[in-house]
Amino acid sequence: MLTRDGFRCTKCGKAGKLEAHHIEPVHIAPELAYDVGNGLTLCRACHIDKTTAANTNPQNEAAASASSEPRRALRKPV
């Protein structure tokens, strides 16, 4: 995922300390936990913002993910 996203935060473009964000949360879709198409590379600050928004109103998660980068087709693990 880091390679795919150019080792940059997909929301703000920062490089450095990056984290993986699951578009579909692991507790909802555990089969997608290791699916690269279900992830975004985010810096710590953007990950906190996205996670806080999702936890405040879980229905905003899909909209928040879509606003930072076009959603990729999800693939099932092989």
PDB file of N, CA and C in Angstrom:
ATOM      1  N   MET A   1       0.827  -1.182   0.000  1.00  0.00           N
ATOM      2  CA  MET A   1       0.000   0.000   0.000  1.00  0.00           C
ATOM      3  C   MET A   1       0.874   1.250   0.000  1.00  0.00           C
ATOM      4  N   LEU A   2       1.943   1.250   0.787  1.00  0.00           N
ATOM      5  CA  LEU A   2       2.843   2.402   0.800  1.00  0.00           C
ATOM      6  C   LEU A   2       3.430   2.659  -0.587  1.00  0.00           C
ATOM      7  N   THR A   3       3.860   1.600  -1.240  1.00  0.00           N
ATOM      8  CA  THR A   3       4.418   1.732  -2.587  1.00  0.00           C
ATOM      9  C   THR A   3       3.363   2.283  -3.534  1.00  0.00           C
ATOM     10  N   ARG A   4       2.166   1.722  -3.485  1.00  0.00           N
ATOM     11  CA  ARG A   4       1.073   2.166  -4.361  1.00  0.00           C
ATOM     12  C   ARG A   4       0.795   3.652  -4.177  1.00  0.00           C
ATOM     13  N   ASP A   5       0.843   4.117  -2.927  1.00  0.00           N
ATOM     14  CA  ASP A   5       0.515   5.509  -2.631  1.00  0.00           C
ATOM     15  C   ASP A   5       1.739   6.424  -2.669  1.00  0.00           C
ATOM     16  N   GLY A   6       2.870   5.910  -3.165  1.00  0.00           N
ATOM     17  CA  GLY A   6       4.057   6.741  -3.336  1.00  0.00           C
ATOM     18  C   GLY A   6       4.708   7.183  -2.035  1.00  0.00           C
ATOM     19  N   PHE A   7       4.506   6.410  -0.962  1.00  0.00           N
ATOM     20  CA  PHE A   7       5.072   6.729   0.355  1.00  0.00           C
ATOM     21  C   PHE A   7       4.686   8.132   0.806  1.00  0.00           C
ATOM     22  N   ARG A   8       3.439   8.488   0.532  1.00  0.00           N
ATOM     23  CA  ARG A   8       2.900   9.794   0.925  1.00  0.00           C
ATOM     24  C   ARG A   8       1.478   9.614   1.450  1.00  0.00           C
ATOM     25  N   CYS A   9       1.084  10.511   2.342  1.00  0.00           N
ATOM     26  CA  CYS A   9      -0.284  10.535   2.852  1.00  0.00           C
ATOM     27  C   CYS A   9      -1.222  10.844   1.686  1.00  0.00           C
ATOM     28  N   THR A  10      -2.255  10.034   1.521  1.00  0.00           N
ATOM     29  CA  THR A  10      -3.183  10.242   0.405  1.00  0.00           C
ATOM     30  C   THR A  10      -4.121  11.428   0.640  1.00  0.00           C
ATOM     31  N   LYS A  11      -4.139  11.958   1.863  1.00  0.00           N
ATOM     32  CA  LYS A  11      -5.007  13.098   2.153  1.00  0.00           C
ATOM     33  C   LYS A  11      -4.262  14.427   2.031  1.00  0.00           C
ATOM     34  N   CYS A  12      -3.068  14.523   2.632  1.00  0.00           N
ATOM     35  CA  CYS A  12      -2.359  15.811   2.645  1.00  0.00           C
ATOM     36  C   CYS A  12      -1.045  15.793   1.871  1.00  0.00           C
ATOM     37  N   GLY A  13      -0.557  14.599   1.513  1.00  0.00           N
ATOM     38  CA  GLY A  13       0.653  14.502   0.720  1.00  0.00           C
ATOM     39  C   GLY A  13       1.950  14.436   1.504  1.00  0.00           C
ATOM     40  N   LYS A  14       1.890  14.480   2.832  1.00  0.00           N
ATOM     41  CA  LYS A  14       3.111  14.430   3.639  1.00  0.00           C
ATOM     42  C   LYS A  14       3.785  13.069   3.514  1.00  0.00           C
ATOM     43  N   ALA A  15       5.104  13.085   3.656  1.00  0.00           N
ATOM     44  CA  ALA A  15       5.890  11.854   3.711  1.00  0.00           C
ATOM     45  C   ALA A  15       6.398  11.712   5.146  1.00  0.00           C
ATOM     46  N   GLY A  16       7.022  10.603   5.447  1.00  0.00           N
ATOM     47  CA  GLY A  16       7.568  10.404   6.793  1.00  0.00           C
ATOM     48  C   GLY A  16       6.847   9.290   7.503  1.00  0.00           C
ATOM     49  N   LYS A  17       6.476   9.526   8.744  1.00  0.00           N
ATOM     50  CA  LYS A  17       5.795   8.504   9.529  1.00  0.00           C
ATOM     51  C   LYS A  17       4.368   8.347   9.012  1.00  0.00           C
ATOM     52  N   LEU A  18       4.111   7.196   8.405  1.00  0.00           N
ATOM     53  CA  LEU A  18       2.813   6.935   7.784  1.00  0.00           C
ATOM     54  C   LEU A  18       2.134   5.754   8.441  1.00  0.00           C
ATOM     55  N   GLU A  19       0.824   5.708   8.317  1.00  0.00           N
ATOM     56  CA  GLU A  19       0.021   4.645   8.903  1.00  0.00           C
ATOM     57  C   GLU A  19      -0.958   4.109   7.873  1.00  0.00           C
ATOM     58  N   ALA A  20      -1.392   2.888   8.096  1.00  0.00           N
ATOM     59  CA  ALA A  20      -2.391   2.267   7.230  1.00  0.00           C
ATOM     60  C   ALA A  20      -3.782   2.517   7.808  1.00  0.00           C
ATOM     61  N   HIS A  21      -4.698   2.913   6.964  1.00  0.00           N
ATOM     62  CA  HIS A  21      -6.093   3.116   7.369  1.00  0.00           C
ATOM     63  C   HIS A  21      -6.955   2.145   6.584  1.00  0.00           C
ATOM     64  N   HIS A  22      -7.806   1.393   7.283  1.00  0.00           N
ATOM     65  CA  HIS A  22      -8.734   0.471   6.636  1.00  0.00           C
ATOM     66  C   HIS A  22      -9.995   1.234   6.249  1.00  0.00           C
ATOM     67  N   ILE A  23     -10.360   1.200   4.974  1.00  0.00           N
ATOM     68  CA  ILE A  23     -11.578   1.855   4.512  1.00  0.00           C
ATOM     69  C   ILE A  23     -12.793   1.162   5.134  1.00  0.00           C
ATOM     70  N   GLU A  24     -12.870  -0.143   4.959  1.00  0.00           N
ATOM     71  CA  GLU A  24     -13.893  -0.945   5.645  1.00  0.00           C
ATOM     72  C   GLU A  24     -13.224  -1.457   6.916  1.00  0.00           C
ATOM     73  N   PRO A  25     -13.706  -1.061   8.087  1.00  0.00           N
ATOM     74  CA  PRO A  25     -13.055  -1.459   9.339  1.00  0.00           C
ATOM     75  C   PRO A  25     -12.921  -2.976   9.467  1.00  0.00           C
ATOM     76  N   VAL A  26     -11.836  -3.401  10.086  1.00  0.00           N
ATOM     77  CA  VAL A  26     -11.548  -4.821  10.244  1.00  0.00           C
ATOM     78  C   VAL A  26     -12.655  -5.521  11.037  1.00  0.00           C
ATOM     79  N   HIS A  27     -13.232  -4.847  12.025  1.00  0.00           N
ATOM     80  CA  HIS A  27     -14.281  -5.501  12.815  1.00  0.00           C
ATOM     81  C   HIS A  27     -15.559  -5.724  12.002  1.00  0.00           C
ATOM     82  N   ILE A  28     -15.726  -5.009  10.903  1.00  0.00           N
ATOM     83  CA  ILE A  28     -16.896  -5.191  10.039  1.00  0.00           C
ATOM     84  C   ILE A  28     -16.584  -6.141   8.891  1.00  0.00           C
ATOM     85  N   ALA A  29     -15.379  -6.045   8.337  1.00  0.00           N
ATOM     86  CA  ALA A  29     -14.992  -6.875   7.187  1.00  0.00           C
ATOM     87  C   ALA A  29     -13.598  -7.473   7.420  1.00  0.00           C
ATOM     88  N   PRO A  30     -13.490  -8.445   8.334  1.00  0.00           N
ATOM     89  CA  PRO A  30     -12.172  -9.011   8.640  1.00  0.00           C
ATOM     90  C   PRO A  30     -11.505  -9.665   7.436  1.00  0.00           C
ATOM     91  N   GLU A  31     -12.281 -10.102   6.476  1.00  0.00           N
ATOM     92  CA  GLU A  31     -11.706 -10.733   5.280  1.00  0.00           C
ATOM     93  C   GLU A  31     -10.939  -9.725   4.421  1.00  0.00           C
ATOM     94  N   LEU A  32     -11.139  -8.445   4.657  1.00  0.00           N
ATOM     95  CA  LEU A  32     -10.443  -7.411   3.891  1.00  0.00           C
ATOM     96  C   LEU A  32      -9.266  -6.797   4.647  1.00  0.00           C
ATOM     97  N   ALA A  33      -8.933  -7.366   5.798  1.00  0.00           N
ATOM     98  CA  ALA A  33      -7.887  -6.796   6.652  1.00  0.00           C
ATOM     99  C   ALA A  33      -6.555  -6.644   5.930  1.00  0.00           C
ATOM    100  N   TYR A  34      -6.201  -7.594   5.076  1.00  0.00           N
ATOM    101  CA  TYR A  34      -4.915  -7.544   4.377  1.00  0.00           C
ATOM    102  C   TYR A  34      -5.068  -7.216   2.895  1.00  0.00           C
ATOM    103  N   ASP A  35      -6.232  -6.729   2.513  1.00  0.00           N
ATOM    104  CA  ASP A  35      -6.499  -6.359   1.127  1.00  0.00           C
ATOM    105  C   ASP A  35      -6.006  -4.939   0.893  1.00  0.00           C
ATOM    106  N   VAL A  36      -5.016  -4.784   0.024  1.00  0.00           N
ATOM    107  CA  VAL A  36      -4.431  -3.475  -0.251  1.00  0.00           C
ATOM    108  C   VAL A  36      -5.479  -2.502  -0.784  1.00  0.00           C
ATOM    109  N   GLY A  37      -6.459  -3.000  -1.506  1.00  0.00           N
ATOM    110  CA  GLY A  37      -7.512  -2.148  -2.037  1.00  0.00           C
ATOM    111  C   GLY A  37      -8.437  -1.591  -0.976  1.00  0.00           C
ATOM    112  N   ASN A  38      -8.353  -2.125   0.242  1.00  0.00           N
ATOM    113  CA  ASN A  38      -9.175  -1.658   1.350  1.00  0.00           C
ATOM    114  C   ASN A  38      -8.395  -0.707   2.256  1.00  0.00           C
ATOM    115  N   GLY A  39      -7.298  -0.181   1.758  1.00  0.00           N
ATOM    116  CA  GLY A  39      -6.486   0.663   2.620  1.00  0.00           C
ATOM    117  C   GLY A  39      -6.085   1.970   1.996  1.00  0.00           C
ATOM    118  N   LEU A  40      -5.761   2.908   2.864  1.00  0.00           N
ATOM    119  CA  LEU A  40      -5.212   4.199   2.474  1.00  0.00           C
ATOM    120  C   LEU A  40      -3.967   4.443   3.309  1.00  0.00           C
ATOM    121  N   THR A  41      -2.979   5.094   2.730  1.00  0.00           N
ATOM    122  CA  THR A  41      -1.803   5.517   3.470  1.00  0.00           C
ATOM    123  C   THR A  41      -2.080   6.920   3.986  1.00  0.00           C
ATOM    124  N   LEU A  42      -1.965   7.088   5.305  1.00  0.00           N
ATOM    125  CA  LEU A  42      -2.216   8.388   5.925  1.00  0.00           C
ATOM    126  C   LEU A  42      -1.101   8.735   6.900  1.00  0.00           C
ATOM    127  N   CYS A  43      -0.838  10.041   7.066  1.00  0.00           N
ATOM    128  CA  CYS A  43       0.071  10.476   8.126  1.00  0.00           C
ATOM    129  C   CYS A  43      -0.711  10.377   9.443  1.00  0.00           C
ATOM    130  N   ARG A  44      -0.017  10.490  10.545  1.00  0.00           N
ATOM    131  CA  ARG A  44      -0.652  10.347  11.856  1.00  0.00           C
ATOM    132  C   ARG A  44      -1.802  11.340  12.042  1.00  0.00           C
ATOM    133  N   ALA A  45      -1.562  12.610  11.701  1.00  0.00           N
ATOM    134  CA  ALA A  45      -2.591  13.636  11.906  1.00  0.00           C
ATOM    135  C   ALA A  45      -3.845  13.349  11.078  1.00  0.00           C
ATOM    136  N   CYS A  46      -3.671  12.982   9.810  1.00  0.00           N
ATOM    137  CA  CYS A  46      -4.828  12.676   8.955  1.00  0.00           C
ATOM    138  C   CYS A  46      -5.530  11.406   9.410  1.00  0.00           C
ATOM    139  N   HIS A  47      -4.760  10.420   9.904  1.00  0.00           N
ATOM    140  CA  HIS A  47      -5.368   9.188  10.395  1.00  0.00           C
ATOM    141  C   HIS A  47      -6.221   9.471  11.621  1.00  0.00           C
ATOM    142  N   ILE A  48      -5.719  10.309  12.522  1.00  0.00           N
ATOM    143  CA  ILE A  48      -6.500  10.678  13.709  1.00  0.00           C
ATOM    144  C   ILE A  48      -7.774  11.397  13.283  1.00  0.00           C
ATOM    145  N   ASP A  49      -7.667  12.355  12.351  1.00  0.00           N
ATOM    146  CA  ASP A  49      -8.853  13.078  11.869  1.00  0.00           C
ATOM    147  C   ASP A  49      -9.882  12.125  11.280  1.00  0.00           C
ATOM    148  N   LYS A  50      -9.426  11.217  10.424  1.00  0.00           N
ATOM    149  CA  LYS A  50     -10.342  10.291   9.759  1.00  0.00           C
ATOM    150  C   LYS A  50     -10.971   9.329  10.760  1.00  0.00           C
ATOM    151  N   THR A  51     -10.169   8.819  11.682  1.00  0.00           N
ATOM    152  CA  THR A  51     -10.675   7.879  12.685  1.00  0.00           C
ATOM    153  C   THR A  51     -11.646   8.574  13.631  1.00  0.00           C
ATOM    154  N   THR A  52     -11.335   9.796  14.036  1.00  0.00           N
ATOM    155  CA  THR A  52     -12.232  10.557  14.915  1.00  0.00           C
ATOM    156  C   THR A  52     -13.560  10.822  14.218  1.00  0.00           C
ATOM    157  N   ALA A  53     -13.507  11.209  12.954  1.00  0.00           N
ATOM    158  CA  ALA A  53     -14.744  11.462  12.198  1.00  0.00           C
ATOM    159  C   ALA A  53     -15.575  10.187  12.087  1.00  0.00           C
ATOM    160  N   ALA A  54     -14.917   9.060  11.827  1.00  0.00           N
ATOM    161  CA  ALA A  54     -15.634   7.786  11.685  1.00  0.00           C
ATOM    162  C   ALA A  54     -16.244   7.357  13.011  1.00  0.00           C
ATOM    163  N   ASN A  55     -15.520   7.572  14.113  1.00  0.00           N
ATOM    164  CA  ASN A  55     -16.023   7.161  15.422  1.00  0.00           C
ATOM    165  C   ASN A  55     -17.126   8.083  15.920  1.00  0.00           C
ATOM    166  N   THR A  56     -17.090   9.347  15.518  1.00  0.00           N
ATOM    167  CA  THR A  56     -18.129  10.289  15.909  1.00  0.00           C
ATOM    168  C   THR A  56     -19.433   9.977  15.193  1.00  0.00           C
ATOM    169  N   ASN A  57     -19.331   9.670  13.902  1.00  0.00           N
ATOM    170  CA  ASN A  57     -20.494   9.326  13.101  1.00  0.00           C
ATOM    171  C   ASN A  57     -20.063   8.274  12.084  1.00  0.00           C
ATOM    172  N   PRO A  58     -20.225   6.973  12.415  1.00  0.00           N
ATOM    173  CA  PRO A  58     -19.757   5.906  11.536  1.00  0.00           C
ATOM    174  C   PRO A  58     -20.275   5.983  10.109  1.00  0.00           C
ATOM    175  N   GLN A  59     -21.402   6.624   9.879  1.00  0.00           N
ATOM    176  CA  GLN A  59     -21.925   6.718   8.515  1.00  0.00           C
ATOM    177  C   GLN A  59     -21.112   7.689   7.683  1.00  0.00           C
ATOM    178  N   ASN A  60     -20.264   8.508   8.315  1.00  0.00           N
ATOM    179  CA  ASN A  60     -19.401   9.433   7.583  1.00  0.00           C
ATOM    180  C   ASN A  60     -18.156   8.758   7.048  1.00  0.00           C
ATOM    181  N   GLU A  61     -17.853   7.544   7.478  1.00  0.00           N
ATOM    182  CA  GLU A  61     -16.612   6.865   7.088  1.00  0.00           C
ATOM    183  C   GLU A  61     -16.482   6.721   5.580  1.00  0.00           C
ATOM    184  N   ALA A  62     -17.511   6.247   4.915  1.00  0.00           N
ATOM    185  CA  ALA A  62     -17.422   6.062   3.466  1.00  0.00           C
ATOM    186  C   ALA A  62     -17.237   7.404   2.767  1.00  0.00           C
ATOM    187  N   ALA A  63     -17.933   8.417   3.209  1.00  0.00           N
ATOM    188  CA  ALA A  63     -17.797   9.739   2.603  1.00  0.00           C
ATOM    189  C   ALA A  63     -16.418  10.319   2.880  1.00  0.00           C
ATOM    190  N   ALA A  64     -15.898  10.125   4.079  1.00  0.00           N
ATOM    191  CA  ALA A  64     -14.573  10.648   4.419  1.00  0.00           C
ATOM    192  C   ALA A  64     -13.503   9.961   3.590  1.00  0.00           C
ATOM    193  N   SER A  65     -13.617   8.665   3.405  1.00  0.00           N
ATOM    194  CA  SER A  65     -12.637   7.943   2.598  1.00  0.00           C
ATOM    195  C   SER A  65     -12.724   8.367   1.143  1.00  0.00           C
ATOM    196  N   ALA A  66     -13.919   8.535   0.650  1.00  0.00           N
ATOM    197  CA  ALA A  66     -14.102   8.904  -0.755  1.00  0.00           C
ATOM    198  C   ALA A  66     -13.586  10.308  -1.030  1.00  0.00           C
ATOM    199  N   SER A  67     -13.647  11.185  -0.034  1.00  0.00           N
ATOM    200  CA  SER A  67     -13.218  12.552  -0.279  1.00  0.00           C
ATOM    201  C   SER A  67     -11.711  12.683  -0.394  1.00  0.00           C
ATOM    202  N   SER A  68     -10.944  11.774   0.213  1.00  0.00           N
ATOM    203  CA  SER A  68      -9.494  11.909   0.166  1.00  0.00           C
ATOM    204  C   SER A  68      -8.886  11.245  -1.057  1.00  0.00           C
ATOM    205  N   GLU A  69      -9.533  10.239  -1.597  1.00  0.00           N
ATOM    206  CA  GLU A  69      -8.997   9.551  -2.763  1.00  0.00           C
ATOM    207  C   GLU A  69     -10.102   8.689  -3.364  1.00  0.00           C
ATOM    208  N   PRO A  70     -10.137   8.604  -4.688  1.00  0.00           N
ATOM    209  CA  PRO A  70     -11.135   7.724  -5.301  1.00  0.00           C
ATOM    210  C   PRO A  70     -10.972   6.310  -4.787  1.00  0.00           C
ATOM    211  N   ARG A  71     -12.047   5.676  -4.477  1.00  0.00           N
ATOM    212  CA  ARG A  71     -12.016   4.332  -3.920  1.00  0.00           C
ATOM    213  C   ARG A  71     -11.630   3.328  -4.972  1.00  0.00           C
ATOM    214  N   ARG A  72     -10.724   2.450  -4.624  1.00  0.00           N
ATOM    215  CA  ARG A  72     -10.286   1.401  -5.528  1.00  0.00           C
ATOM    216  C   ARG A  72     -11.217   0.194  -5.377  1.00  0.00           C
ATOM    217  N   ALA A  73     -11.298  -0.586  -6.414  1.00  0.00           N
ATOM    218  CA  ALA A  73     -12.102  -1.797  -6.341  1.00  0.00           C
ATOM    219  C   ALA A  73     -11.485  -2.723  -5.285  1.00  0.00           C
ATOM    220  N   LEU A  74     -12.309  -3.232  -4.405  1.00  0.00           N
ATOM    221  CA  LEU A  74     -11.832  -4.140  -3.370  1.00  0.00           C
ATOM    222  C   LEU A  74     -11.661  -5.529  -3.930  1.00  0.00           C
ATOM    223  N   ARG A  75     -10.533  -6.129  -3.584  1.00  0.00           N
ATOM    224  CA  ARG A  75     -10.259  -7.495  -4.033  1.00  0.00           C
ATOM    225  C   ARG A  75     -10.330  -8.420  -2.846  1.00  0.00           C
ATOM    226  N   LYS A  76     -10.782  -9.621  -3.088  1.00  0.00           N
ATOM    227  CA  LYS A  76     -10.796 -10.614  -2.033  1.00  0.00           C
ATOM    228  C   LYS A  76      -9.396 -11.232  -1.930  1.00  0.00           C
ATOM    229  N   PRO A  77      -8.966 -11.574  -0.703  1.00  0.00           N
ATOM    230  CA  PRO A  77      -7.649 -12.199  -0.548  1.00  0.00           C
ATOM    231  C   PRO A  77      -7.557 -13.499  -1.318  1.00  0.00           C
ATOM    232  N   VAL A  78      -6.371 -13.781  -1.812  1.00  0.00           N
ATOM    233  CA  VAL A  78      -6.142 -14.989  -2.594  1.00  0.00           C
ATOM    234  C   VAL A  78      -5.746 -16.127  -1.687  1.00  0.00           C
TER     235      VAL A  78
END
